[in-house]
Amino acid sequence: MIPPGCTGLVQPLDISVNKPFKSILRDILDDLLNDYEVRHQLDLRELNRSDSSAIGERQILVTHAVAQAWEQFTSSQAYKELIVSTFRKLGLTLPIDGLCDDELSIKGIDSSLLQIGDWREGGLEGDEKLPALHSELPRQVVDEPADVAVEYIDRV
């Protein structure tokens, strides 16, 4: 469950990578469906649940569309750079020594508060900073759903 207004915080790939990928996918799928309709005189956009062969044909077209979209997406230099920069901004591909922490950028959080540092040094040092960071978060992030997530994590 993702609290309202928090998708960009907890699922940044949905905003930065998935949106342009889905746009490419939509265009390719439309083209494939149009071609199929011309060749077979059947519109796979409007299917009855009882027409299992047409449903199967649509599933195959969608699979081909995803493959073509992924090929197009990953062959574009601009999208490759988008993927790399998104992972770096989130800290997922930054070195663990903390030297590049200044590259962290999380929507709604002041970047001066984002410091990972070298987790290998000093054990759990830095945990005392978490409540301060928590109080700096936008109100929508701190509300009840986050407390539910913390409670869940504590139980696990």
N, C-alpha and C. Protein backbone atom coordinates (compact mmCIF):
# COMPACT_ATOMS: atom_id res chain seq x y z
N MET A 1 0.84 -1.17 0.00
CA MET A 1 0.00 0.00 0.00
C MET A 1 0.89 1.24 0.00
N ILE A 2 0.63 2.13 -0.92
CA ILE A 2 1.42 3.36 -1.02
C ILE A 2 0.52 4.53 -0.64
N PRO A 3 0.94 5.32 0.34
CA PRO A 3 0.13 6.46 0.75
C PRO A 3 -0.06 7.44 -0.41
N PRO A 4 -1.20 8.13 -0.45
CA PRO A 4 -1.45 9.10 -1.52
C PRO A 4 -0.35 10.16 -1.58
N GLY A 5 0.07 10.48 -2.79
CA GLY A 5 1.08 11.51 -2.99
C GLY A 5 2.51 11.04 -2.76
N CYS A 6 2.71 9.76 -2.50
CA CYS A 6 4.05 9.26 -2.16
C CYS A 6 4.66 8.39 -3.25
N THR A 7 4.00 8.21 -4.37
CA THR A 7 4.54 7.34 -5.41
C THR A 7 5.94 7.78 -5.82
N GLY A 8 6.13 9.08 -5.99
CA GLY A 8 7.43 9.60 -6.40
C GLY A 8 8.51 9.36 -5.38
N LEU A 9 8.13 9.18 -4.12
CA LEU A 9 9.09 8.94 -3.06
C LEU A 9 9.48 7.47 -2.94
N VAL A 10 8.49 6.59 -3.06
CA VAL A 10 8.76 5.18 -2.81
C VAL A 10 8.81 4.33 -4.08
N GLN A 11 8.33 4.87 -5.19
CA GLN A 11 8.40 4.15 -6.46
C GLN A 11 8.84 5.12 -7.56
N PRO A 12 10.03 5.67 -7.42
CA PRO A 12 10.46 6.68 -8.39
C PRO A 12 10.58 6.17 -9.82
N LEU A 13 10.80 4.88 -9.99
CA LEU A 13 10.89 4.35 -11.35
C LEU A 13 9.54 4.47 -12.07
N ASP A 14 8.44 4.44 -11.31
CA ASP A 14 7.13 4.61 -11.93
C ASP A 14 7.03 5.97 -12.62
N ILE A 15 7.71 6.95 -12.09
CA ILE A 15 7.64 8.30 -12.65
C ILE A 15 8.73 8.53 -13.68
N SER A 16 9.95 8.13 -13.37
CA SER A 16 11.06 8.50 -14.24
C SER A 16 11.29 7.54 -15.41
N VAL A 17 11.11 6.26 -15.21
CA VAL A 17 11.44 5.28 -16.25
C VAL A 17 10.17 4.66 -16.85
N ASN A 18 9.25 4.24 -16.02
CA ASN A 18 8.08 3.52 -16.52
C ASN A 18 7.18 4.39 -17.41
N LYS A 19 7.06 5.67 -17.08
CA LYS A 19 6.17 6.53 -17.86
C LYS A 19 6.62 6.62 -19.32
N PRO A 20 7.89 6.95 -19.61
CA PRO A 20 8.27 6.98 -21.03
C PRO A 20 8.25 5.59 -21.68
N PHE A 21 8.57 4.55 -20.90
CA PHE A 21 8.52 3.19 -21.46
C PHE A 21 7.08 2.85 -21.85
N LYS A 22 6.13 3.15 -20.97
CA LYS A 22 4.72 2.84 -21.27
C LYS A 22 4.21 3.64 -22.47
N SER A 23 4.72 4.84 -22.65
CA SER A 23 4.34 5.64 -23.81
C SER A 23 4.79 4.97 -25.10
N ILE A 24 6.02 4.50 -25.12
CA ILE A 24 6.53 3.77 -26.29
C ILE A 24 5.72 2.50 -26.50
N LEU A 25 5.46 1.78 -25.41
CA LEU A 25 4.69 0.53 -25.48
C LEU A 25 3.30 0.78 -26.06
N ARG A 26 2.64 1.84 -25.60
CA ARG A 26 1.30 2.16 -26.08
C ARG A 26 1.30 2.41 -27.59
N ASP A 27 2.28 3.16 -28.07
CA ASP A 27 2.36 3.45 -29.51
C ASP A 27 2.58 2.18 -30.32
N ILE A 28 3.50 1.35 -29.87
CA ILE A 28 3.80 0.10 -30.60
C ILE A 28 2.59 -0.83 -30.57
N LEU A 29 1.95 -0.96 -29.42
CA LEU A 29 0.78 -1.84 -29.32
C LEU A 29 -0.35 -1.35 -30.21
N ASP A 30 -0.57 -0.05 -30.25
CA ASP A 30 -1.61 0.50 -31.15
C ASP A 30 -1.32 0.13 -32.60
N ASP A 31 -0.05 0.26 -33.02
CA ASP A 31 0.33 -0.09 -34.39
C ASP A 31 0.09 -1.57 -34.66
N LEU A 32 0.50 -2.42 -33.72
CA LEU A 32 0.30 -3.87 -33.91
C LEU A 32 -1.18 -4.24 -33.96
N LEU A 33 -1.98 -3.62 -33.10
CA LEU A 33 -3.42 -3.90 -33.11
C LEU A 33 -4.07 -3.42 -34.40
N ASN A 34 -3.64 -2.26 -34.89
CA ASN A 34 -4.18 -1.76 -36.16
C ASN A 34 -3.81 -2.69 -37.32
N ASP A 35 -2.56 -3.13 -37.36
CA ASP A 35 -2.12 -4.06 -38.41
C ASP A 35 -2.90 -5.37 -38.35
N TYR A 36 -3.11 -5.88 -37.14
CA TYR A 36 -3.85 -7.13 -36.97
C TYR A 36 -5.28 -6.97 -37.48
N GLU A 37 -5.88 -5.83 -37.14
CA GLU A 37 -7.27 -5.59 -37.55
C GLU A 37 -7.38 -5.53 -39.07
N VAL A 38 -6.43 -4.90 -39.73
CA VAL A 38 -6.44 -4.81 -41.19
C VAL A 38 -6.27 -6.20 -41.81
N ARG A 39 -5.33 -6.98 -41.28
CA ARG A 39 -5.06 -8.31 -41.84
C ARG A 39 -6.17 -9.31 -41.58
N HIS A 40 -6.78 -9.27 -40.40
CA HIS A 40 -7.72 -10.33 -39.99
C HIS A 40 -9.16 -9.85 -39.85
N GLN A 41 -9.40 -8.59 -40.11
CA GLN A 41 -10.75 -8.03 -40.00
C GLN A 41 -11.34 -8.26 -38.60
N LEU A 42 -10.49 -8.16 -37.59
CA LEU A 42 -10.92 -8.38 -36.21
C LEU A 42 -10.23 -7.36 -35.31
N ASP A 43 -11.04 -6.63 -34.55
CA ASP A 43 -10.51 -5.63 -33.63
C ASP A 43 -10.27 -6.29 -32.27
N LEU A 44 -9.01 -6.46 -31.92
CA LEU A 44 -8.67 -7.11 -30.66
C LEU A 44 -8.82 -6.18 -29.46
N ARG A 45 -9.23 -4.95 -29.70
CA ARG A 45 -9.45 -4.01 -28.58
C ARG A 45 -10.79 -4.29 -27.89
N GLU A 46 -11.73 -4.83 -28.65
CA GLU A 46 -13.06 -5.12 -28.11
C GLU A 46 -13.31 -6.62 -28.18
N LEU A 47 -13.03 -7.29 -27.08
CA LEU A 47 -13.14 -8.74 -27.07
C LEU A 47 -14.21 -9.20 -26.09
N ASN A 48 -14.85 -10.30 -26.43
CA ASN A 48 -15.75 -10.97 -25.50
C ASN A 48 -14.94 -11.96 -24.68
N ARG A 49 -15.32 -12.15 -23.46
CA ARG A 49 -14.60 -13.10 -22.61
C ARG A 49 -14.68 -14.52 -23.15
N SER A 50 -15.69 -14.79 -23.93
CA SER A 50 -15.86 -16.14 -24.45
C SER A 50 -14.97 -16.41 -25.66
N ASP A 51 -14.39 -15.39 -26.25
CA ASP A 51 -13.56 -15.57 -27.43
C ASP A 51 -12.11 -15.80 -27.02
N SER A 52 -11.83 -17.01 -26.56
CA SER A 52 -10.51 -17.31 -26.01
C SER A 52 -9.40 -17.26 -27.06
N SER A 53 -9.69 -17.59 -28.30
CA SER A 53 -8.64 -17.54 -29.32
C SER A 53 -8.22 -16.09 -29.59
N ALA A 54 -9.17 -15.17 -29.61
CA ALA A 54 -8.85 -13.76 -29.82
C ALA A 54 -8.10 -13.19 -28.62
N ILE A 55 -8.47 -13.63 -27.43
CA ILE A 55 -7.77 -13.18 -26.22
C ILE A 55 -6.32 -13.67 -26.27
N GLY A 56 -6.12 -14.90 -26.70
CA GLY A 56 -4.77 -15.44 -26.85
C GLY A 56 -3.97 -14.67 -27.88
N GLU A 57 -4.60 -14.30 -29.00
CA GLU A 57 -3.92 -13.51 -30.04
C GLU A 57 -3.50 -12.15 -29.47
N ARG A 58 -4.38 -11.54 -28.69
CA ARG A 58 -4.05 -10.24 -28.10
C ARG A 58 -2.88 -10.37 -27.12
N GLN A 59 -2.88 -11.43 -26.32
CA GLN A 59 -1.77 -11.64 -25.39
C GLN A 59 -0.44 -11.80 -26.12
N ILE A 60 -0.47 -12.48 -27.24
CA ILE A 60 0.75 -12.65 -28.04
C ILE A 60 1.20 -11.30 -28.59
N LEU A 61 0.25 -10.49 -29.09
CA LEU A 61 0.60 -9.16 -29.60
C LEU A 61 1.18 -8.28 -28.50
N VAL A 62 0.61 -8.35 -27.32
CA VAL A 62 1.13 -7.55 -26.20
C VAL A 62 2.55 -7.97 -25.86
N THR A 63 2.81 -9.27 -25.87
CA THR A 63 4.15 -9.76 -25.59
C THR A 63 5.15 -9.24 -26.62
N HIS A 64 4.77 -9.28 -27.90
CA HIS A 64 5.65 -8.74 -28.95
C HIS A 64 5.84 -7.23 -28.77
N ALA A 65 4.78 -6.53 -28.39
CA ALA A 65 4.87 -5.08 -28.20
C ALA A 65 5.82 -4.73 -27.06
N VAL A 66 5.76 -5.49 -25.97
CA VAL A 66 6.67 -5.25 -24.84
C VAL A 66 8.12 -5.46 -25.27
N ALA A 67 8.37 -6.53 -26.02
CA ALA A 67 9.73 -6.80 -26.49
C ALA A 67 10.23 -5.67 -27.39
N GLN A 68 9.40 -5.21 -28.31
CA GLN A 68 9.80 -4.13 -29.21
C GLN A 68 10.00 -2.82 -28.46
N ALA A 69 9.12 -2.54 -27.51
CA ALA A 69 9.23 -1.31 -26.73
C ALA A 69 10.51 -1.31 -25.89
N TRP A 70 10.81 -2.45 -25.29
CA TRP A 70 12.03 -2.54 -24.48
C TRP A 70 13.27 -2.36 -25.35
N GLU A 71 13.26 -2.96 -26.53
CA GLU A 71 14.39 -2.81 -27.46
C GLU A 71 14.56 -1.34 -27.86
N GLN A 72 13.46 -0.70 -28.18
CA GLN A 72 13.51 0.71 -28.57
C GLN A 72 13.95 1.58 -27.38
N PHE A 73 13.42 1.30 -26.22
CA PHE A 73 13.73 2.09 -25.02
C PHE A 73 15.20 1.98 -24.65
N THR A 74 15.72 0.77 -24.63
CA THR A 74 17.11 0.57 -24.20
C THR A 74 18.13 0.92 -25.27
N SER A 75 17.71 1.09 -26.51
CA SER A 75 18.65 1.48 -27.56
C SER A 75 18.80 3.00 -27.64
N SER A 76 17.94 3.73 -26.97
CA SER A 76 18.01 5.19 -26.97
C SER A 76 19.01 5.67 -25.92
N GLN A 77 19.97 6.47 -26.34
CA GLN A 77 20.97 7.00 -25.41
C GLN A 77 20.31 7.86 -24.33
N ALA A 78 19.31 8.63 -24.71
CA ALA A 78 18.63 9.50 -23.73
C ALA A 78 17.98 8.67 -22.62
N TYR A 79 17.35 7.57 -22.98
CA TYR A 79 16.70 6.73 -21.97
C TYR A 79 17.73 5.98 -21.13
N LYS A 80 18.85 5.59 -21.74
CA LYS A 80 19.91 4.95 -20.97
C LYS A 80 20.41 5.92 -19.90
N GLU A 81 20.61 7.17 -20.29
CA GLU A 81 21.06 8.19 -19.34
C GLU A 81 20.01 8.44 -18.26
N LEU A 82 18.74 8.40 -18.64
CA LEU A 82 17.66 8.57 -17.66
C LEU A 82 17.70 7.47 -16.61
N ILE A 83 17.87 6.23 -17.05
CA ILE A 83 17.93 5.10 -16.12
C ILE A 83 19.11 5.26 -15.17
N VAL A 84 20.28 5.56 -15.72
CA VAL A 84 21.48 5.71 -14.90
C VAL A 84 21.33 6.85 -13.91
N SER A 85 20.85 8.00 -14.37
CA SER A 85 20.72 9.15 -13.46
C SER A 85 19.68 8.91 -12.38
N THR A 86 18.60 8.22 -12.72
CA THR A 86 17.57 7.91 -11.72
C THR A 86 18.14 7.02 -10.62
N PHE A 87 18.85 5.98 -10.99
CA PHE A 87 19.43 5.08 -10.00
C PHE A 87 20.48 5.79 -9.15
N ARG A 88 21.23 6.71 -9.75
CA ARG A 88 22.23 7.47 -8.98
C ARG A 88 21.56 8.43 -8.01
N LYS A 89 20.53 9.14 -8.47
CA LYS A 89 19.84 10.10 -7.60
C LYS A 89 19.25 9.41 -6.38
N LEU A 90 18.82 8.18 -6.56
CA LEU A 90 18.23 7.42 -5.45
C LEU A 90 19.29 6.77 -4.57
N GLY A 91 20.53 6.82 -5.02
CA GLY A 91 21.61 6.23 -4.24
C GLY A 91 21.77 4.75 -4.46
N LEU A 92 21.05 4.18 -5.41
CA LEU A 92 21.10 2.74 -5.62
C LEU A 92 22.38 2.27 -6.29
N THR A 93 23.05 3.18 -7.03
CA THR A 93 24.29 2.80 -7.70
C THR A 93 25.46 3.69 -7.29
N LEU A 94 25.31 4.40 -6.19
CA LEU A 94 26.41 5.22 -5.70
C LEU A 94 27.37 4.36 -4.90
N PRO A 95 28.64 4.76 -4.85
CA PRO A 95 29.58 4.00 -4.03
C PRO A 95 29.18 4.06 -2.55
N ILE A 96 29.44 3.00 -1.82
CA ILE A 96 28.99 2.93 -0.43
C ILE A 96 29.88 3.73 0.52
N ASP A 97 30.95 4.31 0.02
CA ASP A 97 31.85 5.05 0.90
C ASP A 97 31.35 6.47 1.22
N GLY A 98 30.24 6.89 0.63
CA GLY A 98 29.66 8.19 0.94
C GLY A 98 30.24 9.34 0.15
N LEU A 99 31.22 9.09 -0.71
CA LEU A 99 31.87 10.17 -1.45
C LEU A 99 30.95 10.87 -2.44
N CYS A 100 29.89 10.21 -2.86
CA CYS A 100 28.98 10.80 -3.86
C CYS A 100 27.60 11.08 -3.28
N ASP A 101 27.48 11.14 -1.96
CA ASP A 101 26.18 11.38 -1.33
C ASP A 101 25.54 12.68 -1.80
N ASP A 102 26.35 13.63 -2.27
CA ASP A 102 25.81 14.90 -2.76
C ASP A 102 24.97 14.72 -4.01
N GLU A 103 25.05 13.56 -4.66
CA GLU A 103 24.24 13.29 -5.85
C GLU A 103 22.83 12.82 -5.49
N LEU A 104 22.59 12.45 -4.23
CA LEU A 104 21.27 11.99 -3.82
C LEU A 104 20.24 13.09 -4.04
N SER A 105 19.09 12.71 -4.56
CA SER A 105 18.03 13.68 -4.80
C SER A 105 16.70 12.95 -4.70
N ILE A 106 15.99 13.17 -3.61
CA ILE A 106 14.71 12.52 -3.41
C ILE A 106 13.65 13.59 -3.29
N LYS A 107 12.64 13.51 -4.12
CA LYS A 107 11.59 14.50 -4.20
C LYS A 107 10.99 14.77 -2.82
N GLY A 108 10.90 16.06 -2.47
CA GLY A 108 10.27 16.45 -1.22
C GLY A 108 11.19 16.44 -0.02
N ILE A 109 12.45 16.06 -0.18
CA ILE A 109 13.39 16.01 0.93
C ILE A 109 14.58 16.90 0.61
N ASP A 110 14.90 17.81 1.51
CA ASP A 110 16.04 18.70 1.34
C ASP A 110 17.30 17.85 1.19
N SER A 111 18.04 18.04 0.09
CA SER A 111 19.20 17.19 -0.18
C SER A 111 20.30 17.34 0.87
N SER A 112 20.31 18.44 1.63
CA SER A 112 21.32 18.58 2.68
C SER A 112 21.07 17.60 3.82
N LEU A 113 19.85 17.06 3.91
CA LEU A 113 19.52 16.09 4.95
C LEU A 113 19.87 14.66 4.53
N LEU A 114 20.19 14.48 3.26
CA LEU A 114 20.47 13.14 2.75
C LEU A 114 21.97 12.87 2.81
N GLN A 115 22.34 12.06 3.77
CA GLN A 115 23.74 11.67 3.89
C GLN A 115 23.78 10.22 4.31
N ILE A 116 24.32 9.39 3.45
CA ILE A 116 24.40 7.97 3.74
C ILE A 116 25.70 7.68 4.46
N GLY A 117 26.80 8.17 3.93
CA GLY A 117 28.10 7.91 4.54
C GLY A 117 28.52 6.48 4.34
N ASP A 118 29.65 6.14 4.92
CA ASP A 118 30.18 4.79 4.79
C ASP A 118 29.59 3.93 5.90
N TRP A 119 28.69 3.05 5.56
CA TRP A 119 27.99 2.23 6.54
C TRP A 119 28.93 1.26 7.25
N ARG A 120 30.11 1.03 6.69
CA ARG A 120 31.04 0.09 7.30
C ARG A 120 31.76 0.68 8.50
N GLU A 121 31.76 2.01 8.60
CA GLU A 121 32.48 2.66 9.68
C GLU A 121 31.54 3.06 10.80
N GLY A 122 31.87 2.72 12.02
CA GLY A 122 31.12 3.20 13.18
C GLY A 122 29.85 2.45 13.50
N GLY A 123 29.67 1.27 12.99
CA GLY A 123 28.49 0.48 13.32
C GLY A 123 27.21 1.16 12.90
N LEU A 124 26.30 1.39 13.86
CA LEU A 124 25.00 1.97 13.56
C LEU A 124 24.99 3.49 13.74
N GLU A 125 26.14 4.09 13.73
CA GLU A 125 26.23 5.53 13.93
C GLU A 125 25.35 6.25 12.91
N GLY A 126 24.69 7.27 13.36
CA GLY A 126 23.82 8.04 12.48
C GLY A 126 22.36 7.74 12.72
N ASP A 127 22.04 6.67 13.47
CA ASP A 127 20.65 6.36 13.73
C ASP A 127 19.94 7.48 14.49
N GLU A 128 20.70 8.22 15.30
CA GLU A 128 20.09 9.30 16.06
C GLU A 128 19.61 10.43 15.14
N LYS A 129 20.04 10.45 13.88
CA LYS A 129 19.62 11.48 12.94
C LYS A 129 18.26 11.17 12.33
N LEU A 130 17.81 9.94 12.40
CA LEU A 130 16.56 9.56 11.76
C LEU A 130 15.35 10.35 12.26
N PRO A 131 15.15 10.54 13.56
CA PRO A 131 13.99 11.32 13.98
C PRO A 131 14.02 12.74 13.43
N ALA A 132 15.18 13.36 13.35
CA ALA A 132 15.27 14.71 12.81
C ALA A 132 14.87 14.70 11.34
N LEU A 133 15.35 13.72 10.57
CA LEU A 133 14.98 13.62 9.17
C LEU A 133 13.48 13.39 9.05
N HIS A 134 12.94 12.53 9.91
CA HIS A 134 11.50 12.24 9.90
C HIS A 134 10.69 13.51 10.08
N SER A 135 11.12 14.40 10.97
CA SER A 135 10.36 15.63 11.22
C SER A 135 10.48 16.61 10.06
N GLU A 136 11.47 16.45 9.21
CA GLU A 136 11.65 17.35 8.07
C GLU A 136 10.85 16.91 6.84
N LEU A 137 10.31 15.69 6.86
CA LEU A 137 9.57 15.20 5.72
C LEU A 137 8.26 15.96 5.55
N PRO A 138 7.76 16.06 4.31
CA PRO A 138 6.46 16.70 4.11
C PRO A 138 5.40 15.97 4.92
N ARG A 139 4.41 16.68 5.40
CA ARG A 139 3.38 16.12 6.29
C ARG A 139 2.72 14.87 5.68
N GLN A 140 2.46 14.87 4.37
CA GLN A 140 1.79 13.72 3.76
C GLN A 140 2.59 12.44 3.87
N VAL A 141 3.92 12.55 4.00
CA VAL A 141 4.76 11.37 4.10
C VAL A 141 4.77 10.84 5.52
N VAL A 142 4.60 11.70 6.51
CA VAL A 142 4.73 11.32 7.90
C VAL A 142 3.42 10.80 8.49
N ASP A 143 2.32 11.01 7.82
CA ASP A 143 1.02 10.61 8.35
C ASP A 143 0.92 9.11 8.60
N GLU A 144 -0.21 8.68 9.04
CA GLU A 144 -0.45 7.33 9.54
C GLU A 144 0.09 6.18 8.69
N PRO A 145 -0.06 6.16 7.34
CA PRO A 145 0.43 5.00 6.60
C PRO A 145 1.91 4.69 6.84
N ALA A 146 2.74 5.71 7.04
CA ALA A 146 4.15 5.47 7.32
C ALA A 146 4.30 4.75 8.66
N ASP A 147 3.47 5.15 9.65
CA ASP A 147 3.52 4.49 10.95
C ASP A 147 3.14 3.01 10.82
N VAL A 148 2.18 2.73 9.96
CA VAL A 148 1.78 1.34 9.73
C VAL A 148 2.94 0.56 9.13
N ALA A 149 3.68 1.18 8.19
CA ALA A 149 4.82 0.51 7.57
C ALA A 149 5.92 0.25 8.61
N VAL A 150 6.19 1.21 9.49
CA VAL A 150 7.21 1.04 10.52
C VAL A 150 6.78 -0.10 11.46
N GLU A 151 5.50 -0.12 11.82
CA GLU A 151 4.99 -1.17 12.69
C GLU A 151 5.18 -2.53 12.03
N TYR A 152 4.91 -2.63 10.73
CA TYR A 152 5.08 -3.86 10.00
C TYR A 152 6.55 -4.29 10.01
N ILE A 153 7.44 -3.35 9.73
CA ILE A 153 8.87 -3.66 9.70
C ILE A 153 9.34 -4.13 11.07
N ASP A 154 8.86 -3.48 12.13
CA ASP A 154 9.23 -3.89 13.48
C ASP A 154 8.80 -5.32 13.78
N ARG A 155 7.64 -5.73 13.27
CA ARG A 155 7.15 -7.08 13.50
C ARG A 155 7.97 -8.12 12.76
N VAL A 156 8.46 -7.77 11.58
CA VAL A 156 9.23 -8.69 10.76
C VAL A 156 10.60 -8.83 11.38
